[in-house]
Amino acid sequence: MRFDTDVTARLRRDLLRRGSTLATLLSQVLAGKQPPGILALLAQRPGMRPEELLRIALDQVEARRKLLDSGDDRYGRCDTCGIDLGAAALGEMPWADRCPAHAAM
């Protein structure tokens, strides 16, 4: 396992927190509400409906959580090139799946 027990627990907790936030936003959007900050999220991917963007983000968080929970060495590495994202980056964004060079793809 690449991360010790305490780091793994913190990363998992942060992933679950992010998933909960995204699920709440999705339920608000599906209820016809416009939660704060949703416009900033939509600006990242023009042409996508809010619920599409939120579902993609929720799927990303869930996929990262599954990798972390299974002890899969791919967690914390770029999906494109395999470079280690680093503990500092994962501490800020534990759902990250790409390095800065591939993040715009």
PDB file of N, CA and C in Angstrom:
ATOM      1  N   MET A   1       0.852  -1.186   0.000  1.00  0.00           N
ATOM      2  CA  MET A   1       0.000   0.000   0.000  1.00  0.00           C
ATOM      3  C   MET A   1       0.894   1.245   0.000  1.00  0.00           C
ATOM      4  N   ARG A   2       0.553   2.221  -0.855  1.00  0.00           N
ATOM      5  CA  ARG A   2       1.366   3.426  -1.012  1.00  0.00           C
ATOM      6  C   ARG A   2       1.206   4.414   0.134  1.00  0.00           C
ATOM      7  N   PHE A   3       0.090   4.373   0.844  1.00  0.00           N
ATOM      8  CA  PHE A   3      -0.191   5.355   1.894  1.00  0.00           C
ATOM      9  C   PHE A   3      -0.377   4.635   3.222  1.00  0.00           C
ATOM     10  N   ASP A   4       0.084   5.291   4.295  1.00  0.00           N
ATOM     11  CA  ASP A   4      -0.112   4.677   5.598  1.00  0.00           C
ATOM     12  C   ASP A   4      -1.584   4.784   5.996  1.00  0.00           C
ATOM     13  N   THR A   5      -1.940   4.141   7.069  1.00  0.00           N
ATOM     14  CA  THR A   5      -3.330   4.041   7.502  1.00  0.00           C
ATOM     15  C   THR A   5      -3.962   5.406   7.762  1.00  0.00           C
ATOM     16  N   ASP A   6      -3.237   6.297   8.420  1.00  0.00           N
ATOM     17  CA  ASP A   6      -3.786   7.622   8.731  1.00  0.00           C
ATOM     18  C   ASP A   6      -4.032   8.441   7.468  1.00  0.00           C
ATOM     19  N   VAL A   7      -3.093   8.410   6.545  1.00  0.00           N
ATOM     20  CA  VAL A   7      -3.247   9.158   5.289  1.00  0.00           C
ATOM     21  C   VAL A   7      -4.405   8.580   4.485  1.00  0.00           C
ATOM     22  N   THR A   8      -4.486   7.265   4.412  1.00  0.00           N
ATOM     23  CA  THR A   8      -5.581   6.616   3.689  1.00  0.00           C
ATOM     24  C   THR A   8      -6.925   7.004   4.285  1.00  0.00           C
ATOM     25  N   ALA A   9      -7.027   7.010   5.602  1.00  0.00           N
ATOM     26  CA  ALA A   9      -8.278   7.377   6.270  1.00  0.00           C
ATOM     27  C   ALA A   9      -8.656   8.827   5.972  1.00  0.00           C
ATOM     28  N   ARG A  10      -7.675   9.721   5.985  1.00  0.00           N
ATOM     29  CA  ARG A  10      -7.948  11.133   5.692  1.00  0.00           C
ATOM     30  C   ARG A  10      -8.394  11.313   4.250  1.00  0.00           C
ATOM     31  N   LEU A  11      -7.693  10.670   3.318  1.00  0.00           N
ATOM     32  CA  LEU A  11      -8.062  10.770   1.905  1.00  0.00           C
ATOM     33  C   LEU A  11      -9.468  10.218   1.666  1.00  0.00           C
ATOM     34  N   ARG A  12      -9.759   9.087   2.295  1.00  0.00           N
ATOM     35  CA  ARG A  12     -11.091   8.478   2.139  1.00  0.00           C
ATOM     36  C   ARG A  12     -12.169   9.409   2.700  1.00  0.00           C
ATOM     37  N   ARG A  13     -11.924   9.971   3.866  1.00  0.00           N
ATOM     38  CA  ARG A  13     -12.876  10.899   4.474  1.00  0.00           C
ATOM     39  C   ARG A  13     -13.122  12.101   3.565  1.00  0.00           C
ATOM     40  N   ASP A  14     -12.052  12.645   3.002  1.00  0.00           N
ATOM     41  CA  ASP A  14     -12.187  13.798   2.112  1.00  0.00           C
ATOM     42  C   ASP A  14     -12.926  13.435   0.823  1.00  0.00           C
ATOM     43  N   LEU A  15     -12.683  12.237   0.310  1.00  0.00           N
ATOM     44  CA  LEU A  15     -13.413  11.782  -0.877  1.00  0.00           C
ATOM     45  C   LEU A  15     -14.907  11.630  -0.576  1.00  0.00           C
ATOM     46  N   LEU A  16     -15.220  11.049   0.570  1.00  0.00           N
ATOM     47  CA  LEU A  16     -16.627  10.885   0.955  1.00  0.00           C
ATOM     48  C   LEU A  16     -17.302  12.232   1.158  1.00  0.00           C
ATOM     49  N   ARG A  17     -16.591  13.186   1.744  1.00  0.00           N
ATOM     50  CA  ARG A  17     -17.132  14.526   1.948  1.00  0.00           C
ATOM     51  C   ARG A  17     -17.436  15.182   0.599  1.00  0.00           C
ATOM     52  N   ARG A  18     -16.491  15.066  -0.346  1.00  0.00           N
ATOM     53  CA  ARG A  18     -16.685  15.636  -1.680  1.00  0.00           C
ATOM     54  C   ARG A  18     -17.866  14.965  -2.384  1.00  0.00           C
ATOM     55  N   GLY A  19     -17.963  13.658  -2.267  1.00  0.00           N
ATOM     56  CA  GLY A  19     -19.082  12.931  -2.871  1.00  0.00           C
ATOM     57  C   GLY A  19     -20.412  13.377  -2.296  1.00  0.00           C
ATOM     58  N   SER A  20     -20.454  13.586  -1.003  1.00  0.00           N
ATOM     59  CA  SER A  20     -21.677  14.051  -0.348  1.00  0.00           C
ATOM     60  C   SER A  20     -22.070  15.443  -0.836  1.00  0.00           C
ATOM     61  N   THR A  21     -21.082  16.318  -0.962  1.00  0.00           N
ATOM     62  CA  THR A  21     -21.338  17.673  -1.461  1.00  0.00           C
ATOM     63  C   THR A  21     -21.879  17.630  -2.880  1.00  0.00           C
ATOM     64  N   LEU A  22     -21.260  16.825  -3.728  1.00  0.00           N
ATOM     65  CA  LEU A  22     -21.710  16.715  -5.118  1.00  0.00           C
ATOM     66  C   LEU A  22     -23.115  16.115  -5.205  1.00  0.00           C
ATOM     67  N   ALA A  23     -23.396  15.118  -4.381  1.00  0.00           N
ATOM     68  CA  ALA A  23     -24.717  14.503  -4.379  1.00  0.00           C
ATOM     69  C   ALA A  23     -25.784  15.506  -3.941  1.00  0.00           C
ATOM     70  N   THR A  24     -25.457  16.338  -2.966  1.00  0.00           N
ATOM     71  CA  THR A  24     -26.389  17.376  -2.520  1.00  0.00           C
ATOM     72  C   THR A  24     -26.636  18.382  -3.633  1.00  0.00           C
ATOM     73  N   LEU A  25     -25.570  18.822  -4.297  1.00  0.00           N
ATOM     74  CA  LEU A  25     -25.719  19.755  -5.418  1.00  0.00           C
ATOM     75  C   LEU A  25     -26.570  19.139  -6.532  1.00  0.00           C
ATOM     76  N   LEU A  26     -26.328  17.872  -6.833  1.00  0.00           N
ATOM     77  CA  LEU A  26     -27.099  17.200  -7.875  1.00  0.00           C
ATOM     78  C   LEU A  26     -28.572  17.139  -7.513  1.00  0.00           C
ATOM     79  N   SER A  27     -28.879  16.819  -6.278  1.00  0.00           N
ATOM     80  CA  SER A  27     -30.290  16.763  -5.872  1.00  0.00           C
ATOM     81  C   SER A  27     -30.942  18.137  -5.955  1.00  0.00           C
ATOM     82  N   GLN A  28     -30.189  19.189  -5.638  1.00  0.00           N
ATOM     83  CA  GLN A  28     -30.731  20.545  -5.749  1.00  0.00           C
ATOM     84  C   GLN A  28     -30.988  20.915  -7.204  1.00  0.00           C
ATOM     85  N   VAL A  29     -30.050  20.585  -8.079  1.00  0.00           N
ATOM     86  CA  VAL A  29     -30.219  20.880  -9.507  1.00  0.00           C
ATOM     87  C   VAL A  29     -31.416  20.112 -10.065  1.00  0.00           C
ATOM     88  N   LEU A  30     -31.537  18.835  -9.705  1.00  0.00           N
ATOM     89  CA  LEU A  30     -32.659  18.030 -10.194  1.00  0.00           C
ATOM     90  C   LEU A  30     -33.994  18.521  -9.652  1.00  0.00           C
ATOM     91  N   ALA A  31     -33.962  19.230  -8.522  1.00  0.00           N
ATOM     92  CA  ALA A  31     -35.176  19.803  -7.944  1.00  0.00           C
ATOM     93  C   ALA A  31     -35.489  21.173  -8.541  1.00  0.00           C
ATOM     94  N   GLY A  32     -34.673  21.601  -9.521  1.00  0.00           N
ATOM     95  CA  GLY A  32     -34.930  22.869 -10.189  1.00  0.00           C
ATOM     96  C   GLY A  32     -34.298  24.075  -9.521  1.00  0.00           C
ATOM     97  N   LYS A  33     -33.441  23.847  -8.565  1.00  0.00           N
ATOM     98  CA  LYS A  33     -32.775  24.950  -7.884  1.00  0.00           C
ATOM     99  C   LYS A  33     -31.440  25.242  -8.575  1.00  0.00           C
ATOM    100  N   GLN A  34     -30.915  26.418  -8.330  1.00  0.00           N
ATOM    101  CA  GLN A  34     -29.592  26.792  -8.854  1.00  0.00           C
ATOM    102  C   GLN A  34     -28.689  27.068  -7.658  1.00  0.00           C
ATOM    103  N   PRO A  35     -27.992  26.015  -7.190  1.00  0.00           N
ATOM    104  CA  PRO A  35     -27.143  26.184  -6.012  1.00  0.00           C
ATOM    105  C   PRO A  35     -26.004  27.166  -6.268  1.00  0.00           C
ATOM    106  N   PRO A  36     -25.533  27.828  -5.203  1.00  0.00           N
ATOM    107  CA  PRO A  36     -24.402  28.752  -5.355  1.00  0.00           C
ATOM    108  C   PRO A  36     -23.191  28.036  -5.948  1.00  0.00           C
ATOM    109  N   GLY A  37     -22.511  28.703  -6.836  1.00  0.00           N
ATOM    110  CA  GLY A  37     -21.297  28.157  -7.420  1.00  0.00           C
ATOM    111  C   GLY A  37     -21.500  27.273  -8.629  1.00  0.00           C
ATOM    112  N   ILE A  38     -22.737  26.948  -8.951  1.00  0.00           N
ATOM    113  CA  ILE A  38     -22.978  26.035 -10.066  1.00  0.00           C
ATOM    114  C   ILE A  38     -22.572  26.670 -11.394  1.00  0.00           C
ATOM    115  N   LEU A  39     -22.730  27.977 -11.520  1.00  0.00           N
ATOM    116  CA  LEU A  39     -22.361  28.645 -12.770  1.00  0.00           C
ATOM    117  C   LEU A  39     -20.859  28.570 -13.015  1.00  0.00           C
ATOM    118  N   ALA A  40     -20.069  28.659 -11.945  1.00  0.00           N
ATOM    119  CA  ALA A  40     -18.620  28.538 -12.087  1.00  0.00           C
ATOM    120  C   ALA A  40     -18.235  27.139 -12.564  1.00  0.00           C
ATOM    121  N   LEU A  41     -18.933  26.132 -12.060  1.00  0.00           N
ATOM    122  CA  LEU A  41     -18.680  24.764 -12.508  1.00  0.00           C
ATOM    123  C   LEU A  41     -19.030  24.600 -13.984  1.00  0.00           C
ATOM    124  N   LEU A  42     -20.134  25.185 -14.388  1.00  0.00           N
ATOM    125  CA  LEU A  42     -20.576  25.050 -15.771  1.00  0.00           C
ATOM    126  C   LEU A  42     -19.642  25.754 -16.743  1.00  0.00           C
ATOM    127  N   ALA A  43     -18.994  26.803 -16.298  1.00  0.00           N
ATOM    128  CA  ALA A  43     -18.073  27.543 -17.153  1.00  0.00           C
ATOM    129  C   ALA A  43     -16.890  26.670 -17.573  1.00  0.00           C
ATOM    130  N   GLN A  44     -16.600  25.639 -16.779  1.00  0.00           N
ATOM    131  CA  GLN A  44     -15.485  24.747 -17.083  1.00  0.00           C
ATOM    132  C   GLN A  44     -15.774  23.870 -18.298  1.00  0.00           C
ATOM    133  N   ARG A  45     -17.031  23.582 -18.538  1.00  0.00           N
ATOM    134  CA  ARG A  45     -17.420  22.703 -19.653  1.00  0.00           C
ATOM    135  C   ARG A  45     -18.654  23.269 -20.350  1.00  0.00           C
ATOM    136  N   PRO A  46     -18.440  24.220 -21.235  1.00  0.00           N
ATOM    137  CA  PRO A  46     -19.571  24.834 -21.941  1.00  0.00           C
ATOM    138  C   PRO A  46     -20.394  23.783 -22.695  1.00  0.00           C
ATOM    139  N   GLY A  47     -21.692  23.988 -22.689  1.00  0.00           N
ATOM    140  CA  GLY A  47     -22.588  23.094 -23.410  1.00  0.00           C
ATOM    141  C   GLY A  47     -23.109  21.926 -22.599  1.00  0.00           C
ATOM    142  N   MET A  48     -22.579  21.712 -21.418  1.00  0.00           N
ATOM    143  CA  MET A  48     -23.053  20.603 -20.590  1.00  0.00           C
ATOM    144  C   MET A  48     -24.140  21.088 -19.642  1.00  0.00           C
ATOM    145  N   ARG A  49     -25.108  20.242 -19.424  1.00  0.00           N
ATOM    146  CA  ARG A  49     -26.139  20.556 -18.449  1.00  0.00           C
ATOM    147  C   ARG A  49     -25.561  20.352 -17.049  1.00  0.00           C
ATOM    148  N   PRO A  50     -26.055  21.111 -16.067  1.00  0.00           N
ATOM    149  CA  PRO A  50     -25.514  20.994 -14.698  1.00  0.00           C
ATOM    150  C   PRO A  50     -25.539  19.564 -14.168  1.00  0.00           C
ATOM    151  N   GLU A  51     -26.621  18.852 -14.412  1.00  0.00           N
ATOM    152  CA  GLU A  51     -26.715  17.486 -13.879  1.00  0.00           C
ATOM    153  C   GLU A  51     -25.694  16.552 -14.534  1.00  0.00           C
ATOM    154  N   GLU A  52     -25.370  16.781 -15.809  1.00  0.00           N
ATOM    155  CA  GLU A  52     -24.345  15.976 -16.469  1.00  0.00           C
ATOM    156  C   GLU A  52     -22.980  16.205 -15.828  1.00  0.00           C
ATOM    157  N   LEU A  53     -22.654  17.450 -15.637  1.00  0.00           N
ATOM    158  CA  LEU A  53     -21.371  17.807 -15.046  1.00  0.00           C
ATOM    159  C   LEU A  53     -21.241  17.254 -13.628  1.00  0.00           C
ATOM    160  N   LEU A  54     -22.295  17.373 -12.847  1.00  0.00           N
ATOM    161  CA  LEU A  54     -22.260  16.879 -11.472  1.00  0.00           C
ATOM    162  C   LEU A  54     -22.159  15.356 -11.435  1.00  0.00           C
ATOM    163  N   ARG A  55     -22.836  14.674 -12.340  1.00  0.00           N
ATOM    164  CA  ARG A  55     -22.749  13.205 -12.369  1.00  0.00           C
ATOM    165  C   ARG A  55     -21.347  12.743 -12.762  1.00  0.00           C
ATOM    166  N   ILE A  56     -20.728  13.439 -13.716  1.00  0.00           N
ATOM    167  CA  ILE A  56     -19.354  13.103 -14.099  1.00  0.00           C
ATOM    168  C   ILE A  56     -18.424  13.287 -12.898  1.00  0.00           C
ATOM    169  N   ALA A  57     -18.577  14.399 -12.205  1.00  0.00           N
ATOM    170  CA  ALA A  57     -17.736  14.671 -11.028  1.00  0.00           C
ATOM    171  C   ALA A  57     -17.969  13.636  -9.938  1.00  0.00           C
ATOM    172  N   LEU A  58     -19.216  13.266  -9.721  1.00  0.00           N
ATOM    173  CA  LEU A  58     -19.550  12.263  -8.706  1.00  0.00           C
ATOM    174  C   LEU A  58     -18.965  10.900  -9.082  1.00  0.00           C
ATOM    175  N   ASP A  59     -19.038  10.545 -10.349  1.00  0.00           N
ATOM    176  CA  ASP A  59     -18.446   9.283 -10.821  1.00  0.00           C
ATOM    177  C   ASP A  59     -16.927   9.284 -10.622  1.00  0.00           C
ATOM    178  N   GLN A  60     -16.294  10.427 -10.864  1.00  0.00           N
ATOM    179  CA  GLN A  60     -14.846  10.541 -10.693  1.00  0.00           C
ATOM    180  C   GLN A  60     -14.464  10.316  -9.227  1.00  0.00           C
ATOM    181  N   VAL A  61     -15.201  10.939  -8.331  1.00  0.00           N
ATOM    182  CA  VAL A  61     -14.920  10.782  -6.898  1.00  0.00           C
ATOM    183  C   VAL A  61     -15.119   9.330  -6.479  1.00  0.00           C
ATOM    184  N   GLU A  62     -16.189   8.711  -6.945  1.00  0.00           N
ATOM    185  CA  GLU A  62     -16.465   7.315  -6.587  1.00  0.00           C
ATOM    186  C   GLU A  62     -15.386   6.380  -7.136  1.00  0.00           C
ATOM    187  N   ALA A  63     -14.945   6.630  -8.350  1.00  0.00           N
ATOM    188  CA  ALA A  63     -13.891   5.798  -8.939  1.00  0.00           C
ATOM    189  C   ALA A  63     -12.597   5.908  -8.140  1.00  0.00           C
ATOM    190  N   ARG A  64     -12.254   7.118  -7.713  1.00  0.00           N
ATOM    191  CA  ARG A  64     -11.037   7.313  -6.917  1.00  0.00           C
ATOM    192  C   ARG A  64     -11.173   6.629  -5.557  1.00  0.00           C
ATOM    193  N   ARG A  65     -12.362   6.721  -4.945  1.00  0.00           N
ATOM    194  CA  ARG A  65     -12.576   6.076  -3.647  1.00  0.00           C
ATOM    195  C   ARG A  65     -12.416   4.562  -3.765  1.00  0.00           C
ATOM    196  N   LYS A  66     -12.952   3.988  -4.830  1.00  0.00           N
ATOM    197  CA  LYS A  66     -12.826   2.541  -5.026  1.00  0.00           C
ATOM    198  C   LYS A  66     -11.368   2.127  -5.184  1.00  0.00           C
ATOM    199  N   LEU A  67     -10.593   2.915  -5.943  1.00  0.00           N
ATOM    200  CA  LEU A  67      -9.173   2.609  -6.097  1.00  0.00           C
ATOM    201  C   LEU A  67      -8.450   2.689  -4.755  1.00  0.00           C
ATOM    202  N   LEU A  68      -8.740   3.734  -3.993  1.00  0.00           N
ATOM    203  CA  LEU A  68      -8.105   3.902  -2.686  1.00  0.00           C
ATOM    204  C   LEU A  68      -8.473   2.751  -1.754  1.00  0.00           C
ATOM    205  N   ASP A  69      -9.757   2.426  -1.692  1.00  0.00           N
ATOM    206  CA  ASP A  69     -10.217   1.368  -0.789  1.00  0.00           C
ATOM    207  C   ASP A  69      -9.647  -0.002  -1.151  1.00  0.00           C
ATOM    208  N   SER A  70      -9.429  -0.227  -2.435  1.00  0.00           N
ATOM    209  CA  SER A  70      -8.918  -1.530  -2.860  1.00  0.00           C
ATOM    210  C   SER A  70      -7.397  -1.617  -2.745  1.00  0.00           C
ATOM    211  N   GLY A  71      -6.740  -0.467  -2.441  1.00  0.00           N
ATOM    212  CA  GLY A  71      -5.288  -0.459  -2.351  1.00  0.00           C
ATOM    213  C   GLY A  71      -4.630  -0.474  -3.727  1.00  0.00           C
ATOM    214  N   ASP A  72      -5.404  -0.157  -4.750  1.00  0.00           N
ATOM    215  CA  ASP A  72      -4.911  -0.141  -6.129  1.00  0.00           C
ATOM    216  C   ASP A  72      -3.840   0.936  -6.280  1.00  0.00           C
ATOM    217  N   ASP A  73      -2.711   0.575  -6.822  1.00  0.00           N
ATOM    218  CA  ASP A  73      -1.592   1.492  -6.976  1.00  0.00           C
ATOM    219  C   ASP A  73      -1.892   2.631  -7.954  1.00  0.00           C
ATOM    220  N   ARG A  74      -2.963   2.528  -8.720  1.00  0.00           N
ATOM    221  CA  ARG A  74      -3.314   3.605  -9.654  1.00  0.00           C
ATOM    222  C   ARG A  74      -3.875   4.826  -8.941  1.00  0.00           C
ATOM    223  N   TYR A  75      -4.354   4.654  -7.701  1.00  0.00           N
ATOM    224  CA  TYR A  75      -4.842   5.820  -6.958  1.00  0.00           C
ATOM    225  C   TYR A  75      -3.653   6.741  -6.687  1.00  0.00           C
ATOM    226  N   GLY A  76      -3.834   8.027  -6.981  1.00  0.00           N
ATOM    227  CA  GLY A  76      -2.780   8.996  -6.741  1.00  0.00           C
ATOM    228  C   GLY A  76      -1.798   9.115  -7.884  1.00  0.00           C
ATOM    229  N   ARG A  77      -2.137   8.498  -9.011  1.00  0.00           N
ATOM    230  CA  ARG A  77      -1.307   8.588 -10.210  1.00  0.00           C
ATOM    231  C   ARG A  77      -2.147   9.131 -11.360  1.00  0.00           C
ATOM    232  N   CYS A  78      -1.498   9.792 -12.297  1.00  0.00           N
ATOM    233  CA  CYS A  78      -2.171  10.326 -13.476  1.00  0.00           C
ATOM    234  C   CYS A  78      -2.712   9.171 -14.321  1.00  0.00           C
ATOM    235  N   ASP A  79      -3.972   9.237 -14.699  1.00  0.00           N
ATOM    236  CA  ASP A  79      -4.569   8.204 -15.543  1.00  0.00           C
ATOM    237  C   ASP A  79      -3.951   8.166 -16.935  1.00  0.00           C
ATOM    238  N   THR A  80      -3.353   9.264 -17.359  1.00  0.00           N
ATOM    239  CA  THR A  80      -2.783   9.336 -18.699  1.00  0.00           C
ATOM    240  C   THR A  80      -1.340   8.861 -18.750  1.00  0.00           C
ATOM    241  N   CYS A  81      -0.496   9.392 -17.863  1.00  0.00           N
ATOM    242  CA  CYS A  81       0.939   9.081 -17.944  1.00  0.00           C
ATOM    243  C   CYS A  81       1.456   8.248 -16.772  1.00  0.00           C
ATOM    244  N   GLY A  82       0.680   8.112 -15.704  1.00  0.00           N
ATOM    245  CA  GLY A  82       1.079   7.285 -14.569  1.00  0.00           C
ATOM    246  C   GLY A  82       1.983   7.953 -13.554  1.00  0.00           C
ATOM    247  N   ILE A  83       2.302   9.230 -13.759  1.00  0.00           N
ATOM    248  CA  ILE A  83       3.167   9.932 -12.817  1.00  0.00           C
ATOM    249  C   ILE A  83       2.466  10.076 -11.460  1.00  0.00           C
ATOM    250  N   ASP A  84       3.236   9.995 -10.386  1.00  0.00           N
ATOM    251  CA  ASP A  84       2.693  10.165  -9.037  1.00  0.00           C
ATOM    252  C   ASP A  84       2.258  11.619  -8.859  1.00  0.00           C
ATOM    253  N   LEU A  85       1.035  11.822  -8.417  1.00  0.00           N
ATOM    254  CA  LEU A  85       0.513  13.176  -8.253  1.00  0.00           C
ATOM    255  C   LEU A  85       1.070  13.866  -7.012  1.00  0.00           C
ATOM    256  N   GLY A  86       1.550  13.105  -6.063  1.00  0.00           N
ATOM    257  CA  GLY A  86       2.156  13.677  -4.864  1.00  0.00           C
ATOM    258  C   GLY A  86       1.163  13.857  -3.737  1.00  0.00           C
ATOM    259  N   ALA A  87       1.648  13.693  -2.534  1.00  0.00           N
ATOM    260  CA  ALA A  87       0.804  13.777  -1.338  1.00  0.00           C
ATOM    261  C   ALA A  87       0.191  15.161  -1.170  1.00  0.00           C
ATOM    262  N   ALA A  88       0.950  16.210  -1.490  1.00  0.00           N
ATOM    263  CA  ALA A  88       0.421  17.575  -1.330  1.00  0.00           C
ATOM    264  C   ALA A  88      -0.766  17.810  -2.253  1.00  0.00           C
ATOM    265  N   ALA A  89      -0.663  17.389  -3.497  1.00  0.00           N
ATOM    266  CA  ALA A  89      -1.762  17.566  -4.452  1.00  0.00           C
ATOM    267  C   ALA A  89      -2.978  16.748  -4.035  1.00  0.00           C
ATOM    268  N   LEU A  90      -2.753  15.537  -3.585  1.00  0.00           N
ATOM    269  CA  LEU A  90      -3.868  14.696  -3.153  1.00  0.00           C
ATOM    270  C   LEU A  90      -4.509  15.237  -1.880  1.00  0.00           C
ATOM    271  N   GLY A  91      -3.711  15.865  -1.042  1.00  0.00           N
ATOM    272  CA  GLY A  91      -4.262  16.491   0.159  1.00  0.00           C
ATOM    273  C   GLY A  91      -5.221  17.613  -0.200  1.00  0.00           C
ATOM    274  N   GLU A  92      -4.925  18.326  -1.267  1.00  0.00           N
ATOM    275  CA  GLU A  92      -5.787  19.421  -1.735  1.00  0.00           C
ATOM    276  C   GLU A  92      -6.976  18.906  -2.538  1.00  0.00           C
ATOM    277  N   MET A  93      -6.744  17.875  -3.340  1.00  0.00           N
ATOM    278  CA  MET A  93      -7.790  17.373  -4.226  1.00  0.00           C
ATOM    279  C   MET A  93      -7.651  15.844  -4.351  1.00  0.00           C
ATOM    280  N   PRO A  94      -8.153  15.100  -3.359  1.00  0.00           N
ATOM    281  CA  PRO A  94      -7.963  13.650  -3.352  1.00  0.00           C
ATOM    282  C   PRO A  94      -8.666  12.925  -4.498  1.00  0.00           C
ATOM    283  N   TRP A  95      -9.525  13.597  -5.219  1.00  0.00           N
ATOM    284  CA  TRP A  95     -10.216  12.988  -6.357  1.00  0.00           C
ATOM    285  C   TRP A  95      -9.461  13.225  -7.667  1.00  0.00           C
ATOM    286  N   ALA A  96      -8.284  13.849  -7.587  1.00  0.00           N
ATOM    287  CA  ALA A  96      -7.504  14.132  -8.798  1.00  0.00           C
ATOM    288  C   ALA A  96      -7.176  12.827  -9.526  1.00  0.00           C
ATOM    289  N   ASP A  97      -7.266  12.892 -10.864  1.00  0.00           N
ATOM    290  CA  ASP A  97      -6.964  11.705 -11.660  1.00  0.00           C
ATOM    291  C   ASP A  97      -5.983  11.990 -12.793  1.00  0.00           C
ATOM    292  N   ARG A  98      -5.504  13.249 -12.860  1.00  0.00           N
ATOM    293  CA  ARG A  98      -4.538  13.606 -13.901  1.00  0.00           C
ATOM    294  C   ARG A  98      -3.519  14.608 -13.354  1.00  0.00           C
ATOM    295  N   CYS A  99      -2.344  14.566 -13.915  1.00  0.00           N
ATOM    296  CA  CYS A  99      -1.288  15.505 -13.542  1.00  0.00           C
ATOM    297  C   CYS A  99      -1.571  16.848 -14.210  1.00  0.00           C
ATOM    298  N   PRO A 100      -0.896  17.922 -13.801  1.00  0.00           N
ATOM    299  CA  PRO A 100      -1.138  19.231 -14.421  1.00  0.00           C
ATOM    300  C   PRO A 100      -0.971  19.227 -15.940  1.00  0.00           C
ATOM    301  N   ALA A 101      -0.039  18.445 -16.454  1.00  0.00           N
ATOM    302  CA  ALA A 101       0.186  18.400 -17.897  1.00  0.00           C
ATOM    303  C   ALA A 101      -1.000  17.817 -18.658  1.00  0.00           C
ATOM    304  N   HIS A 102      -1.765  16.933 -18.013  1.00  0.00           N
ATOM    305  CA  HIS A 102      -2.886  16.271 -18.683  1.00  0.00           C
ATOM    306  C   HIS A 102      -4.253  16.706 -18.159  1.00  0.00           C
ATOM    307  N   ALA A 103      -4.278  17.621 -17.217  1.00  0.00           N
ATOM    308  CA  ALA A 103      -5.543  18.040 -16.589  1.00  0.00           C
ATOM    309  C   ALA A 103      -6.515  18.689 -17.563  1.00  0.00           C
ATOM    310  N   ALA A 104      -6.000  19.351 -18.579  1.00  0.00           N
ATOM    311  CA  ALA A 104      -6.879  20.056 -19.531  1.00  0.00           C
ATOM    312  C   ALA A 104      -7.488  19.115 -20.564  1.00  0.00           C
ATOM    313  N   MET A 105      -7.090  17.858 -20.573  1.00  0.00           N
ATOM    314  CA  MET A 105      -7.596  16.918 -21.573  1.00  0.00           C
ATOM    315  C   MET A 105      -8.961  16.409 -21.226  1.00  0.00           C
TER     316      MET A 105
END
